[in-house]
Amino acid sequence: MKCPFCRVDNDRVIDSRSSQDGLAIRRRRECLGCARRFTTYERPEETTIRVVKKDGSRVPFDRDKIRRGLERACWKRSINSRQIERATVAIENDVYRSFDTEVESSQLGKLVLEHLRDLDEVAFVRFASVYRQFNDVHDFFEELRPMLDEKSRSPR
């Protein structure tokens, strides 16, 4: 690590601790060249998962796209931002746990649908209508049939 003041590549670590967000290690260092102190942060290198789109192109996984999709599906529903953030984190964790380097966009859509089904049925149908490209009312009905069957079987 080069000193930001004198550019000498010789220092010693005085103190190490976890950063406030817990995602990095904060190190307090002292330059052995000029004796000035400075702080560095060490973070693990994140593996980037790429999403394979329908046309075969590959784009980096973007949690913000997932969050925006959830927000659109939950628009004017009684879902708060904390619930959307929790679902986003859960989906992101599922992606990093289940896939090494690439995930098909269809598999990513299925993950989002699984989490939306538990969050809000209307939001689930909204997302499914875009994701599965419904063409008519029959497509909506076919998507709703398993949920309706499940509700009719469960005791009230």
Protein backbone atom coordinates (compact mmCIF):
# COMPACT_ATOMS: atom_id res chain seq x y z
CA MET A 1 0.00 0.00 0.00
CA LYS A 2 1.50 3.34 -1.05
CA CYS A 3 1.30 6.22 1.39
CA PRO A 4 -1.12 8.86 0.04
CA PHE A 5 1.19 11.61 1.31
CA CYS A 6 4.75 10.63 0.32
CA ARG A 7 4.00 7.69 -2.07
CA VAL A 8 6.41 5.37 -0.20
CA ASP A 9 5.39 1.71 -0.32
CA ASN A 10 6.30 0.87 3.26
CA ASP A 11 3.84 1.01 6.13
CA ARG A 12 2.68 -0.86 9.20
CA VAL A 13 -0.83 -1.67 10.36
CA ILE A 14 -1.63 -0.05 13.70
CA ASP A 15 -5.25 -1.17 14.10
CA SER A 16 -7.73 -3.44 12.26
CA ARG A 17 -11.46 -3.69 12.82
CA SER A 18 -14.65 -4.38 10.95
CA SER A 19 -16.16 -1.34 9.23
CA GLN A 20 -19.51 0.06 10.37
CA ASP A 21 -21.40 -1.73 7.59
CA GLY A 22 -19.58 -4.99 8.40
CA LEU A 23 -18.70 -5.51 4.74
CA ALA A 24 -15.07 -4.41 4.95
CA ILE A 25 -12.06 -4.36 7.21
CA ARG A 26 -10.91 -0.91 8.30
CA ARG A 27 -7.15 -0.67 8.76
CA ARG A 28 -5.31 2.22 10.36
CA ARG A 29 -1.79 2.42 8.94
CA GLU A 30 1.36 4.38 9.64
CA CYS A 31 3.81 5.20 6.87
CA LEU A 32 7.38 4.21 7.78
CA GLY A 33 8.70 6.86 5.39
CA CYS A 34 6.97 10.03 6.62
CA ALA A 35 5.35 8.74 9.88
CA ARG A 36 1.89 10.02 8.85
CA ARG A 37 -1.18 7.90 9.48
CA PHE A 38 -3.97 6.98 7.07
CA THR A 39 -6.93 4.63 6.85
CA THR A 40 -7.64 1.95 4.26
CA TYR A 41 -10.63 -0.32 3.70
CA GLU A 42 -10.29 -3.89 2.53
CA ARG A 43 -13.30 -5.51 0.85
CA PRO A 44 -13.64 -9.02 -0.56
CA GLU A 45 -13.74 -9.15 -4.32
CA GLU A 46 -17.28 -9.83 -5.46
CA THR A 47 -17.89 -12.32 -8.20
CA THR A 48 -20.08 -10.79 -10.82
CA ILE A 49 -22.90 -12.95 -12.03
CA ARG A 50 -24.06 -12.30 -15.55
CA VAL A 51 -27.66 -12.56 -16.66
CA VAL A 52 -28.14 -14.38 -19.97
CA LYS A 53 -30.96 -12.58 -21.79
CA LYS A 54 -33.41 -14.22 -24.22
CA ASP A 55 -31.40 -12.95 -27.20
CA GLY A 56 -28.20 -14.56 -25.81
CA SER A 57 -26.59 -11.31 -24.69
CA ARG A 58 -25.05 -11.15 -21.24
CA VAL A 59 -25.37 -8.28 -18.79
CA PRO A 60 -24.16 -7.95 -15.18
CA PHE A 61 -26.70 -8.89 -12.51
CA ASP A 62 -28.20 -5.67 -11.18
CA ARG A 63 -30.09 -5.78 -7.88
CA ASP A 64 -31.54 -2.33 -8.62
CA LYS A 65 -33.38 -3.75 -11.66
CA ILE A 66 -34.90 -6.40 -9.40
CA ARG A 67 -35.95 -3.75 -6.87
CA ARG A 68 -37.47 -1.53 -9.58
CA GLY A 69 -39.40 -4.49 -10.99
CA LEU A 70 -40.74 -5.31 -7.54
CA GLU A 71 -41.69 -1.67 -6.96
CA ARG A 72 -43.60 -1.54 -10.26
CA ALA A 73 -45.42 -4.78 -9.49
CA CYS A 74 -46.30 -3.55 -5.97
CA TRP A 75 -47.38 -0.07 -7.07
CA LYS A 76 -50.49 1.08 -5.16
CA ARG A 77 -50.47 -2.07 -3.05
CA SER A 78 -50.09 -2.15 0.72
CA ILE A 79 -46.43 -3.18 0.43
CA ASN A 80 -43.90 -0.91 2.12
CA SER A 81 -40.34 -0.21 0.99
CA ARG A 82 -38.90 -2.37 3.77
CA GLN A 83 -40.79 -5.41 2.44
CA ILE A 84 -39.58 -4.68 -1.09
CA GLU A 85 -35.99 -4.35 0.15
CA ARG A 86 -36.25 -7.64 2.06
CA ALA A 87 -37.55 -9.40 -1.05
CA THR A 88 -34.77 -7.84 -3.14
CA VAL A 89 -32.12 -9.03 -0.68
CA ALA A 90 -33.66 -12.52 -0.55
CA ILE A 91 -33.67 -12.76 -4.36
CA GLU A 92 -30.09 -11.49 -4.56
CA ASN A 93 -28.99 -14.04 -1.93
CA ASP A 94 -30.75 -16.83 -3.84
CA VAL A 95 -28.96 -15.81 -7.04
CA TYR A 96 -25.50 -15.75 -5.43
CA ARG A 97 -26.18 -18.99 -3.55
CA SER A 98 -27.58 -20.91 -6.52
CA PHE A 99 -25.50 -19.72 -9.49
CA ASP A 100 -21.75 -19.41 -10.01
CA THR A 101 -21.18 -17.16 -13.00
CA GLU A 102 -24.38 -16.95 -15.06
CA VAL A 103 -28.13 -17.10 -14.58
CA GLU A 104 -30.74 -17.32 -17.33
CA SER A 105 -33.19 -14.41 -17.29
CA SER A 106 -36.03 -16.95 -17.20
CA GLN A 107 -34.65 -18.48 -13.99
CA LEU A 108 -34.26 -15.02 -12.49
CA GLY A 109 -37.88 -14.24 -13.36
CA LYS A 110 -39.01 -17.45 -11.67
CA LEU A 111 -37.14 -16.47 -8.51
CA VAL A 112 -38.84 -13.07 -8.49
CA LEU A 113 -42.24 -14.72 -8.99
CA GLU A 114 -41.64 -17.11 -6.07
CA HIS A 115 -40.93 -14.21 -3.74
CA LEU A 116 -43.80 -12.09 -5.08
CA ARG A 117 -46.28 -14.95 -4.63
CA ASP A 118 -45.55 -14.85 -0.88
CA LEU A 119 -45.54 -11.05 -0.75
CA ASP A 120 -48.71 -10.09 -2.63
CA GLU A 121 -50.90 -12.02 -5.08
CA VAL A 122 -51.88 -8.98 -7.13
CA ALA A 123 -48.24 -7.93 -7.47
CA PHE A 124 -47.45 -11.52 -8.45
CA VAL A 125 -50.01 -11.42 -11.28
CA ARG A 126 -48.81 -7.99 -12.44
CA PHE A 127 -45.22 -9.19 -12.65
CA ALA A 128 -46.22 -12.48 -14.26
CA SER A 129 -48.25 -10.68 -16.93
CA VAL A 130 -45.13 -8.81 -18.08
CA TYR A 131 -42.63 -11.62 -17.44
CA ARG A 132 -44.69 -14.31 -19.16
CA GLN A 133 -46.07 -11.92 -21.80
CA PHE A 134 -49.77 -12.72 -21.38
CA ASN A 135 -51.74 -12.22 -24.57
CA ASP A 136 -55.31 -12.54 -23.35
CA VAL A 137 -57.56 -13.19 -20.36
CA HIS A 138 -57.13 -16.95 -20.76
CA ASP A 139 -53.39 -16.57 -20.00
CA PHE A 140 -54.26 -14.68 -16.80
CA PHE A 141 -56.70 -17.37 -15.78
CA GLU A 142 -54.17 -20.15 -16.36
CA GLU A 143 -51.67 -18.33 -14.15
CA LEU A 144 -54.26 -17.80 -11.42
CA ARG A 145 -55.70 -21.33 -11.50
CA PRO A 146 -53.12 -22.88 -9.09
CA MET A 147 -53.62 -20.04 -6.57
CA LEU A 148 -57.41 -20.28 -6.83
CA ASP A 149 -57.33 -24.07 -6.43
CA GLU A 150 -55.08 -23.72 -3.38
CA LYS A 151 -57.44 -21.17 -1.79
CA SER A 152 -60.50 -23.35 -2.38
CA ARG A 153 -58.76 -26.32 -0.67
CA SER A 154 -57.56 -24.39 2.39
CA PRO A 155 -59.99 -24.02 5.29
CA ARG A 156 -61.27 -20.52 5.89
